[in-house]
Amino acid sequence: PRYVIVIPVKKNAEWWNMSPEERLKEMEVHTTPTL
């Protein structure tokens, strides 16, 4: 690698008030296209 990128991320209150199971589903959708 020749390049480095740093991106800070802040989530909203709705995200943190979801159940762990709901956040898991969202993160599975998030992860799938990154593979």
PDB file of all heavy atoms in Angstrom:
ATOM      1  N   PRO A   1       0.822  -1.218   0.000  1.00  0.00           N
ATOM      2  CA  PRO A   1       0.000   0.000   0.000  1.00  0.00           C
ATOM      3  C   PRO A   1       0.857   1.269   0.000  1.00  0.00           C
ATOM      4  O   PRO A   1       1.853   1.356   0.720  1.00  0.00           O
ATOM      5  CB  PRO A   1      -0.796  -0.117   1.303  1.00  0.00           C
ATOM      6  CG  PRO A   1      -0.806  -1.569   1.619  1.00  0.00           C
ATOM      7  CD  PRO A   1       0.520  -2.082   1.156  1.00  0.00           C
ATOM      8  N   ARG A   2       0.451   2.232  -0.792  1.00  0.00           N
ATOM      9  CA  ARG A   2       1.112   3.545  -0.819  1.00  0.00           C
ATOM     10  C   ARG A   2       0.264   4.628  -0.174  1.00  0.00           C
ATOM     11  O   ARG A   2       0.774   5.700   0.155  1.00  0.00           O
ATOM     12  CB  ARG A   2       1.424   3.953  -2.258  1.00  0.00           C
ATOM     13  CG  ARG A   2       2.488   3.118  -2.956  1.00  0.00           C
ATOM     14  CD  ARG A   2       2.705   3.614  -4.377  1.00  0.00           C
ATOM     15  NE  ARG A   2       1.509   3.401  -5.198  1.00  0.00           N
ATOM     16  CZ  ARG A   2       1.237   4.095  -6.304  1.00  0.00           C
ATOM     17  NH1 ARG A   2       2.035   5.078  -6.694  1.00  0.00           N
ATOM     18  NH2 ARG A   2       0.132   3.825  -6.998  1.00  0.00           N
ATOM     19  N   TYR A   3      -1.029   4.341   0.005  1.00  0.00           N
ATOM     20  CA  TYR A   3      -1.946   5.365   0.493  1.00  0.00           C
ATOM     21  C   TYR A   3      -2.611   4.940   1.801  1.00  0.00           C
ATOM     22  O   TYR A   3      -2.848   3.754   2.043  1.00  0.00           O
ATOM     23  CB  TYR A   3      -3.039   5.643  -0.546  1.00  0.00           C
ATOM     24  CG  TYR A   3      -2.495   6.110  -1.864  1.00  0.00           C
ATOM     25  CD1 TYR A   3      -2.371   5.224  -2.929  1.00  0.00           C
ATOM     26  CD2 TYR A   3      -2.090   7.429  -2.057  1.00  0.00           C
ATOM     27  CE1 TYR A   3      -1.860   5.632  -4.159  1.00  0.00           C
ATOM     28  CE2 TYR A   3      -1.572   7.856  -3.267  1.00  0.00           C
ATOM     29  CZ  TYR A   3      -1.456   6.955  -4.314  1.00  0.00           C
ATOM     30  OH  TYR A   3      -0.943   7.369  -5.520  1.00  0.00           O
ATOM     31  N   VAL A   4      -2.910   5.931   2.625  1.00  0.00           N
ATOM     32  CA  VAL A   4      -3.593   5.705   3.899  1.00  0.00           C
ATOM     33  C   VAL A   4      -4.786   6.651   3.968  1.00  0.00           C
ATOM     34  O   VAL A   4      -4.698   7.806   3.518  1.00  0.00           O
ATOM     35  CB  VAL A   4      -2.635   5.936   5.087  1.00  0.00           C
ATOM     36  CG1 VAL A   4      -2.067   7.349   5.082  1.00  0.00           C
ATOM     37  CG2 VAL A   4      -3.329   5.675   6.411  1.00  0.00           C
ATOM     38  N   ILE A   5      -5.905   6.152   4.468  1.00  0.00           N
ATOM     39  CA  ILE A   5      -7.107   6.973   4.628  1.00  0.00           C
ATOM     40  C   ILE A   5      -7.656   6.758   6.033  1.00  0.00           C
ATOM     41  O   ILE A   5      -7.783   5.616   6.489  1.00  0.00           O
ATOM     42  CB  ILE A   5      -8.197   6.613   3.594  1.00  0.00           C
ATOM     43  CG1 ILE A   5      -7.654   6.708   2.171  1.00  0.00           C
ATOM     44  CG2 ILE A   5      -9.398   7.548   3.754  1.00  0.00           C
ATOM     45  CD1 ILE A   5      -7.241   5.408   1.563  1.00  0.00           C
ATOM     46  N   VAL A   6      -7.978   7.839   6.720  1.00  0.00           N
ATOM     47  CA  VAL A   6      -8.565   7.783   8.062  1.00  0.00           C
ATOM     48  C   VAL A   6      -9.922   8.477   8.022  1.00  0.00           C
ATOM     49  O   VAL A   6     -10.022   9.626   7.581  1.00  0.00           O
ATOM     50  CB  VAL A   6      -7.660   8.461   9.106  1.00  0.00           C
ATOM     51  CG1 VAL A   6      -8.326   8.441  10.485  1.00  0.00           C
ATOM     52  CG2 VAL A   6      -6.304   7.775   9.167  1.00  0.00           C
ATOM     53  N   ILE A   7     -10.971   7.770   8.456  1.00  0.00           N
ATOM     54  CA  ILE A   7     -12.327   8.315   8.428  1.00  0.00           C
ATOM     55  C   ILE A   7     -12.981   8.107   9.798  1.00  0.00           C
ATOM     56  O   ILE A   7     -13.284   6.977  10.177  1.00  0.00           O
ATOM     57  CB  ILE A   7     -13.190   7.633   7.348  1.00  0.00           C
ATOM     58  CG1 ILE A   7     -12.530   7.768   5.970  1.00  0.00           C
ATOM     59  CG2 ILE A   7     -14.594   8.225   7.329  1.00  0.00           C
ATOM     60  CD1 ILE A   7     -13.256   7.020   4.869  1.00  0.00           C
ATOM     61  N   PRO A   8     -13.193   9.165  10.571  1.00  0.00           N
ATOM     62  CA  PRO A   8     -13.931   9.020  11.840  1.00  0.00           C
ATOM     63  C   PRO A   8     -15.421   8.880  11.572  1.00  0.00           C
ATOM     64  O   PRO A   8     -15.962   9.446  10.611  1.00  0.00           O
ATOM     65  CB  PRO A   8     -13.617  10.325  12.572  1.00  0.00           C
ATOM     66  CG  PRO A   8     -13.308  11.308  11.485  1.00  0.00           C
ATOM     67  CD  PRO A   8     -12.693  10.530  10.363  1.00  0.00           C
ATOM     68  N   VAL A   9     -16.101   8.113  12.414  1.00  0.00           N
ATOM     69  CA  VAL A   9     -17.529   7.846  12.236  1.00  0.00           C
ATOM     70  C   VAL A   9     -18.253   8.064  13.568  1.00  0.00           C
ATOM     71  O   VAL A   9     -17.797   7.608  14.612  1.00  0.00           O
ATOM     72  CB  VAL A   9     -17.776   6.403  11.750  1.00  0.00           C
ATOM     73  CG1 VAL A   9     -19.268   6.111  11.680  1.00  0.00           C
ATOM     74  CG2 VAL A   9     -17.111   6.165  10.396  1.00  0.00           C
ATOM     75  N   LYS A  10     -19.376   8.761  13.507  1.00  0.00           N
ATOM     76  CA  LYS A  10     -20.225   8.975  14.675  1.00  0.00           C
ATOM     77  C   LYS A  10     -21.625   8.469  14.358  1.00  0.00           C
ATOM     78  O   LYS A  10     -22.217   8.826  13.340  1.00  0.00           O
ATOM     79  CB  LYS A  10     -20.291  10.471  15.022  1.00  0.00           C
ATOM     80  CG  LYS A  10     -21.214  10.827  16.186  1.00  0.00           C
ATOM     81  CD  LYS A  10     -20.620  10.445  17.505  1.00  0.00           C
ATOM     82  CE  LYS A  10     -21.479  10.942  18.674  1.00  0.00           C
ATOM     83  NZ  LYS A  10     -20.923  10.516  19.972  1.00  0.00           N
ATOM     84  N   LYS A  11     -22.180   7.600  15.226  1.00  0.00           N
ATOM     85  CA  LYS A  11     -23.530   7.074  15.056  1.00  0.00           C
ATOM     86  C   LYS A  11     -24.537   7.921  15.843  1.00  0.00           C
ATOM     87  O   LYS A  11     -24.176   8.595  16.824  1.00  0.00           O
ATOM     88  CB  LYS A  11     -23.597   5.627  15.550  1.00  0.00           C
ATOM     89  CG  LYS A  11     -22.724   4.657  14.780  1.00  0.00           C
ATOM     90  CD  LYS A  11     -23.286   4.361  13.414  1.00  0.00           C
ATOM     91  CE  LYS A  11     -22.569   3.185  12.776  1.00  0.00           C
ATOM     92  NZ  LYS A  11     -23.128   2.865  11.451  1.00  0.00           N
ATOM     93  N   ASN A  12     -25.805   7.852  15.437  1.00  0.00           N
ATOM     94  CA  ASN A  12     -26.828   8.606  16.149  1.00  0.00           C
ATOM     95  C   ASN A  12     -27.459   7.780  17.274  1.00  0.00           C
ATOM     96  O   ASN A  12     -27.176   6.592  17.439  1.00  0.00           O
ATOM     97  CB  ASN A  12     -27.901   9.125  15.180  1.00  0.00           C
ATOM     98  CG  ASN A  12     -28.628   8.000  14.455  1.00  0.00           C
ATOM     99  OD1 ASN A  12     -28.649   6.854  14.914  1.00  0.00           O
ATOM    100  ND2 ASN A  12     -29.237   8.326  13.322  1.00  0.00           N
ATOM    101  N   ALA A  13     -28.341   8.426  18.044  1.00  0.00           N
ATOM    102  CA  ALA A  13     -28.951   7.764  19.203  1.00  0.00           C
ATOM    103  C   ALA A  13     -29.848   6.603  18.777  1.00  0.00           C
ATOM    104  O   ALA A  13     -29.957   5.602  19.500  1.00  0.00           O
ATOM    105  CB  ALA A  13     -29.754   8.783  20.010  1.00  0.00           C
ATOM    106  N   GLU A  14     -30.459   6.730  17.609  1.00  0.00           N
ATOM    107  CA  GLU A  14     -31.327   5.645  17.134  1.00  0.00           C
ATOM    108  C   GLU A  14     -30.538   4.350  16.977  1.00  0.00           C
ATOM    109  O   GLU A  14     -31.028   3.263  17.305  1.00  0.00           O
ATOM    110  CB  GLU A  14     -31.968   6.037  15.803  1.00  0.00           C
ATOM    111  CG  GLU A  14     -32.970   5.010  15.292  1.00  0.00           C
ATOM    112  CD  GLU A  14     -33.601   5.412  13.978  1.00  0.00           C
ATOM    113  OE1 GLU A  14     -33.336   6.534  13.498  1.00  0.00           O
ATOM    114  OE2 GLU A  14     -34.367   4.599  13.411  1.00  0.00           O
ATOM    115  N   TRP A  15     -29.318   4.477  16.491  1.00  0.00           N
ATOM    116  CA  TRP A  15     -28.462   3.290  16.317  1.00  0.00           C
ATOM    117  C   TRP A  15     -28.194   2.615  17.654  1.00  0.00           C
ATOM    118  O   TRP A  15     -28.353   1.406  17.814  1.00  0.00           O
ATOM    119  CB  TRP A  15     -27.157   3.681  15.647  1.00  0.00           C
ATOM    120  CG  TRP A  15     -26.126   2.595  15.625  1.00  0.00           C
ATOM    121  CD1 TRP A  15     -25.080   2.420  16.499  1.00  0.00           C
ATOM    122  CD2 TRP A  15     -26.048   1.505  14.701  1.00  0.00           C
ATOM    123  NE1 TRP A  15     -24.346   1.308  16.169  1.00  0.00           N
ATOM    124  CE2 TRP A  15     -24.925   0.718  15.072  1.00  0.00           C
ATOM    125  CE3 TRP A  15     -26.809   1.112  13.601  1.00  0.00           C
ATOM    126  CZ2 TRP A  15     -24.550  -0.432  14.377  1.00  0.00           C
ATOM    127  CZ3 TRP A  15     -26.428  -0.030  12.903  1.00  0.00           C
ATOM    128  CH2 TRP A  15     -25.316  -0.788  13.297  1.00  0.00           C
ATOM    129  N   TRP A  16     -27.801   3.401  18.643  1.00  0.00           N
ATOM    130  CA  TRP A  16     -27.416   2.830  19.932  1.00  0.00           C
ATOM    131  C   TRP A  16     -28.620   2.327  20.731  1.00  0.00           C
ATOM    132  O   TRP A  16     -28.449   1.524  21.654  1.00  0.00           O
ATOM    133  CB  TRP A  16     -26.636   3.859  20.743  1.00  0.00           C
ATOM    134  CG  TRP A  16     -25.297   4.163  20.130  1.00  0.00           C
ATOM    135  CD1 TRP A  16     -24.884   5.365  19.623  1.00  0.00           C
ATOM    136  CD2 TRP A  16     -24.208   3.259  19.946  1.00  0.00           C
ATOM    137  NE1 TRP A  16     -23.605   5.259  19.134  1.00  0.00           N
ATOM    138  CE2 TRP A  16     -23.156   3.983  19.317  1.00  0.00           C
ATOM    139  CE3 TRP A  16     -24.004   1.909  20.241  1.00  0.00           C
ATOM    140  CZ2 TRP A  16     -21.943   3.403  18.986  1.00  0.00           C
ATOM    141  CZ3 TRP A  16     -22.779   1.328  19.910  1.00  0.00           C
ATOM    142  CH2 TRP A  16     -21.767   2.077  19.295  1.00  0.00           C
ATOM    143  N   ASN A  17     -29.815   2.781  20.366  1.00  0.00           N
ATOM    144  CA  ASN A  17     -31.010   2.300  21.061  1.00  0.00           C
ATOM    145  C   ASN A  17     -31.666   1.105  20.374  1.00  0.00           C
ATOM    146  O   ASN A  17     -32.691   0.608  20.845  1.00  0.00           O
ATOM    147  CB  ASN A  17     -32.023   3.444  21.200  1.00  0.00           C
ATOM    148  CG  ASN A  17     -31.677   4.383  22.349  1.00  0.00           C
ATOM    149  OD1 ASN A  17     -31.988   4.097  23.500  1.00  0.00           O
ATOM    150  ND2 ASN A  17     -31.016   5.484  22.045  1.00  0.00           N
ATOM    151  N   MET A  18     -31.084   0.639  19.290  1.00  0.00           N
ATOM    152  CA  MET A  18     -31.538  -0.595  18.669  1.00  0.00           C
ATOM    153  C   MET A  18     -31.067  -1.770  19.510  1.00  0.00           C
ATOM    154  O   MET A  18     -30.090  -1.669  20.267  1.00  0.00           O
ATOM    155  CB  MET A  18     -30.974  -0.710  17.247  1.00  0.00           C
ATOM    156  CG  MET A  18     -31.506   0.336  16.275  1.00  0.00           C
ATOM    157  SD  MET A  18     -30.574   0.379  14.718  1.00  0.00           S
ATOM    158  CE  MET A  18     -30.925  -1.258  14.059  1.00  0.00           C
ATOM    159  N   SER A  19     -31.742  -2.884  19.377  1.00  0.00           N
ATOM    160  CA  SER A  19     -31.311  -4.086  20.093  1.00  0.00           C
ATOM    161  C   SER A  19     -30.037  -4.625  19.451  1.00  0.00           C
ATOM    162  O   SER A  19     -29.764  -4.353  18.277  1.00  0.00           O
ATOM    163  CB  SER A  19     -32.399  -5.159  20.038  1.00  0.00           C
ATOM    164  OG  SER A  19     -32.529  -5.662  18.705  1.00  0.00           O
ATOM    165  N   PRO A  20     -29.225  -5.383  20.192  1.00  0.00           N
ATOM    166  CA  PRO A  20     -28.019  -5.981  19.609  1.00  0.00           C
ATOM    167  C   PRO A  20     -28.328  -6.821  18.375  1.00  0.00           C
ATOM    168  O   PRO A  20     -27.550  -6.833  17.419  1.00  0.00           O
ATOM    169  CB  PRO A  20     -27.476  -6.846  20.756  1.00  0.00           C
ATOM    170  CG  PRO A  20     -27.983  -6.190  22.000  1.00  0.00           C
ATOM    171  CD  PRO A  20     -29.340  -5.662  21.648  1.00  0.00           C
ATOM    172  N   GLU A  21     -29.458  -7.499  18.379  1.00  0.00           N
ATOM    173  CA  GLU A  21     -29.838  -8.334  17.235  1.00  0.00           C
ATOM    174  C   GLU A  21     -30.119  -7.467  16.006  1.00  0.00           C
ATOM    175  O   GLU A  21     -29.749  -7.838  14.880  1.00  0.00           O
ATOM    176  CB  GLU A  21     -31.076  -9.174  17.578  1.00  0.00           C
ATOM    177  CG  GLU A  21     -30.849 -10.245  18.637  1.00  0.00           C
ATOM    178  CD  GLU A  21     -30.755  -9.668  20.053  1.00  0.00           C
ATOM    179  OE1 GLU A  21     -31.233  -8.526  20.272  1.00  0.00           O
ATOM    180  OE2 GLU A  21     -30.225 -10.369  20.925  1.00  0.00           O
ATOM    181  N   GLU A  22     -30.756  -6.323  16.213  1.00  0.00           N
ATOM    182  CA  GLU A  22     -31.043  -5.415  15.094  1.00  0.00           C
ATOM    183  C   GLU A  22     -29.759  -4.824  14.536  1.00  0.00           C
ATOM    184  O   GLU A  22     -29.584  -4.724  13.310  1.00  0.00           O
ATOM    185  CB  GLU A  22     -31.980  -4.299  15.560  1.00  0.00           C
ATOM    186  CG  GLU A  22     -33.399  -4.758  15.852  1.00  0.00           C
ATOM    187  CD  GLU A  22     -34.238  -3.656  16.460  1.00  0.00           C
ATOM    188  OE1 GLU A  22     -33.717  -2.890  17.311  1.00  0.00           O
ATOM    189  OE2 GLU A  22     -35.432  -3.570  16.087  1.00  0.00           O
ATOM    190  N   ARG A  23     -28.834  -4.435  15.427  1.00  0.00           N
ATOM    191  CA  ARG A  23     -27.561  -3.895  14.951  1.00  0.00           C
ATOM    192  C   ARG A  23     -26.753  -4.959  14.217  1.00  0.00           C
ATOM    193  O   ARG A  23     -26.068  -4.665  13.226  1.00  0.00           O
ATOM    194  CB  ARG A  23     -26.759  -3.312  16.116  1.00  0.00           C
ATOM    195  CG  ARG A  23     -27.363  -2.049  16.702  1.00  0.00           C
ATOM    196  CD  ARG A  23     -26.338  -1.252  17.506  1.00  0.00           C
ATOM    197  NE  ARG A  23     -25.790  -2.000  18.615  1.00  0.00           N
ATOM    198  CZ  ARG A  23     -26.338  -2.058  19.833  1.00  0.00           C
ATOM    199  NH1 ARG A  23     -27.469  -1.398  20.075  1.00  0.00           N
ATOM    200  NH2 ARG A  23     -25.783  -2.763  20.788  1.00  0.00           N
ATOM    201  N   LEU A  24     -26.838  -6.203  14.681  1.00  0.00           N
ATOM    202  CA  LEU A  24     -26.135  -7.297  14.008  1.00  0.00           C
ATOM    203  C   LEU A  24     -26.619  -7.431  12.567  1.00  0.00           C
ATOM    204  O   LEU A  24     -25.804  -7.560  11.638  1.00  0.00           O
ATOM    205  CB  LEU A  24     -26.350  -8.606  14.759  1.00  0.00           C
ATOM    206  CG  LEU A  24     -25.837  -9.877  14.063  1.00  0.00           C
ATOM    207  CD1 LEU A  24     -24.329  -9.793  13.828  1.00  0.00           C
ATOM    208  CD2 LEU A  24     -26.181 -11.115  14.879  1.00  0.00           C
ATOM    209  N   LYS A  25     -27.928  -7.385  12.359  1.00  0.00           N
ATOM    210  CA  LYS A  25     -28.470  -7.504  11.003  1.00  0.00           C
ATOM    211  C   LYS A  25     -27.970  -6.368  10.108  1.00  0.00           C
ATOM    212  O   LYS A  25     -27.634  -6.581   8.943  1.00  0.00           O
ATOM    213  CB  LYS A  25     -30.005  -7.508  11.057  1.00  0.00           C
ATOM    214  CG  LYS A  25     -30.600  -8.770  11.657  1.00  0.00           C
ATOM    215  CD  LYS A  25     -32.115  -8.699  11.678  1.00  0.00           C
ATOM    216  CE  LYS A  25     -32.712  -9.964  12.307  1.00  0.00           C
ATOM    217  NZ  LYS A  25     -34.210  -9.885  12.360  1.00  0.00           N
ATOM    218  N   GLU A  26     -27.945  -5.164  10.662  1.00  0.00           N
ATOM    219  CA  GLU A  26     -27.466  -4.026   9.885  1.00  0.00           C
ATOM    220  C   GLU A  26     -25.984  -4.185   9.533  1.00  0.00           C
ATOM    221  O   GLU A  26     -25.561  -3.865   8.409  1.00  0.00           O
ATOM    222  CB  GLU A  26     -27.678  -2.722  10.664  1.00  0.00           C
ATOM    223  CG  GLU A  26     -29.123  -2.358  10.937  1.00  0.00           C
ATOM    224  CD  GLU A  26     -29.895  -2.020   9.670  1.00  0.00           C
ATOM    225  OE1 GLU A  26     -29.259  -1.787   8.618  1.00  0.00           O
ATOM    226  OE2 GLU A  26     -31.137  -2.007   9.730  1.00  0.00           O
ATOM    227  N   MET A  27     -25.200  -4.692  10.470  1.00  0.00           N
ATOM    228  CA  MET A  27     -23.777  -4.854  10.212  1.00  0.00           C
ATOM    229  C   MET A  27     -23.496  -5.997   9.242  1.00  0.00           C
ATOM    230  O   MET A  27     -22.504  -5.976   8.511  1.00  0.00           O
ATOM    231  CB  MET A  27     -23.021  -5.069  11.532  1.00  0.00           C
ATOM    232  CG  MET A  27     -22.961  -3.833  12.408  1.00  0.00           C
ATOM    233  SD  MET A  27     -22.314  -2.360  11.537  1.00  0.00           S
ATOM    234  CE  MET A  27     -20.677  -2.923  11.069  1.00  0.00           C
ATOM    235  N   GLU A  28     -24.363  -6.973   9.219  1.00  0.00           N
ATOM    236  CA  GLU A  28     -24.211  -8.038   8.223  1.00  0.00           C
ATOM    237  C   GLU A  28     -24.443  -7.483   6.814  1.00  0.00           C
ATOM    238  O   GLU A  28     -23.717  -7.811   5.873  1.00  0.00           O
ATOM    239  CB  GLU A  28     -25.184  -9.178   8.531  1.00  0.00           C
ATOM    240  CG  GLU A  28     -24.769 -10.007   9.743  1.00  0.00           C
ATOM    241  CD  GLU A  28     -25.751 -11.109  10.068  1.00  0.00           C
ATOM    242  OE1 GLU A  28     -26.952 -10.945   9.781  1.00  0.00           O
ATOM    243  OE2 GLU A  28     -25.326 -12.135  10.636  1.00  0.00           O
ATOM    244  N   VAL A  29     -25.458  -6.610   6.692  1.00  0.00           N
ATOM    245  CA  VAL A  29     -25.706  -5.957   5.400  1.00  0.00           C
ATOM    246  C   VAL A  29     -24.545  -5.037   5.042  1.00  0.00           C
ATOM    247  O   VAL A  29     -24.163  -4.922   3.875  1.00  0.00           O
ATOM    248  CB  VAL A  29     -27.037  -5.174   5.451  1.00  0.00           C
ATOM    249  CG1 VAL A  29     -27.247  -4.376   4.166  1.00  0.00           C
ATOM    250  CG2 VAL A  29     -28.199  -6.127   5.684  1.00  0.00           C
ATOM    251  N   HIS A  30     -23.978  -4.391   6.049  1.00  0.00           N
ATOM    252  CA  HIS A  30     -22.825  -3.502   5.863  1.00  0.00           C
ATOM    253  C   HIS A  30     -21.595  -4.287   5.400  1.00  0.00           C
ATOM    254  O   HIS A  30     -20.857  -3.843   4.515  1.00  0.00           O
ATOM    255  CB  HIS A  30     -22.532  -2.783   7.190  1.00  0.00           C
ATOM    256  CG  HIS A  30     -21.203  -2.106   7.259  1.00  0.00           C
ATOM    257  ND1 HIS A  30     -21.039  -0.740   7.125  1.00  0.00           N
ATOM    258  CD2 HIS A  30     -19.940  -2.594   7.455  1.00  0.00           C
ATOM    259  CE1 HIS A  30     -19.764  -0.433   7.233  1.00  0.00           C
ATOM    260  NE2 HIS A  30     -19.076  -1.543   7.442  1.00  0.00           N
ATOM    261  N   THR A  31     -21.378  -5.446   5.980  1.00  0.00           N
ATOM    262  CA  THR A  31     -20.150  -6.204   5.736  1.00  0.00           C
ATOM    263  C   THR A  31     -20.151  -6.932   4.401  1.00  0.00           C
ATOM    264  O   THR A  31     -19.107  -7.024   3.734  1.00  0.00           O
ATOM    265  CB  THR A  31     -19.927  -7.223   6.874  1.00  0.00           C
ATOM    266  OG1 THR A  31     -19.889  -6.528   8.126  1.00  0.00           O
ATOM    267  CG2 THR A  31     -18.646  -7.998   6.681  1.00  0.00           C
ATOM    268  N   THR A  32     -21.297  -7.429   3.993  1.00  0.00           N
ATOM    269  CA  THR A  32     -21.370  -8.269   2.796  1.00  0.00           C
ATOM    270  C   THR A  32     -20.719  -7.644   1.558  1.00  0.00           C
ATOM    271  O   THR A  32     -19.887  -8.295   0.904  1.00  0.00           O
ATOM    272  CB  THR A  32     -22.835  -8.647   2.497  1.00  0.00           C
ATOM    273  OG1 THR A  32     -23.364  -9.383   3.607  1.00  0.00           O
ATOM    274  CG2 THR A  32     -22.934  -9.488   1.240  1.00  0.00           C
ATOM    275  N   PRO A  33     -21.022  -6.390   1.200  1.00  0.00           N
ATOM    276  CA  PRO A  33     -20.405  -5.829  -0.014  1.00  0.00           C
ATOM    277  C   PRO A  33     -18.918  -5.501   0.132  1.00  0.00           C
ATOM    278  O   PRO A  33     -18.251  -5.256  -0.869  1.00  0.00           O
ATOM    279  CB  PRO A  33     -21.222  -4.557  -0.271  1.00  0.00           C
ATOM    280  CG  PRO A  33     -21.747  -4.165   1.061  1.00  0.00           C
ATOM    281  CD  PRO A  33     -22.009  -5.454   1.784  1.00  0.00           C
ATOM    282  N   THR A  34     -18.405  -5.500   1.368  1.00  0.00           N
ATOM    283  CA  THR A  34     -16.988  -5.152   1.551  1.00  0.00           C
ATOM    284  C   THR A  34     -16.056  -6.324   1.257  1.00  0.00           C
ATOM    285  O   THR A  34     -14.871  -6.107   0.988  1.00  0.00           O
ATOM    286  CB  THR A  34     -16.719  -4.678   2.994  1.00  0.00           C
ATOM    287  OG1 THR A  34     -16.817  -5.787   3.906  1.00  0.00           O
ATOM    288  CG2 THR A  34     -17.700  -3.586   3.404  1.00  0.00           C
ATOM    289  N   LEU A  35     -16.559  -7.553   1.306  1.00  0.00           N
ATOM    290  CA  LEU A  35     -15.697  -8.726   1.179  1.00  0.00           C
ATOM    291  C   LEU A  35     -14.910  -8.734  -0.124  1.00  0.00           C
ATOM    292  O   LEU A  35     -13.750  -9.140  -0.162  1.00  0.00           O
ATOM    293  CB  LEU A  35     -16.525 -10.012   1.303  1.00  0.00           C
ATOM    294  CG  LEU A  35     -17.214 -10.253   2.652  1.00  0.00           C
ATOM    295  CD1 LEU A  35     -18.030 -11.537   2.612  1.00  0.00           C
ATOM    296  CD2 LEU A  35     -16.195 -10.307   3.784  1.00  0.00           C
TER     297      LEU A  35
END
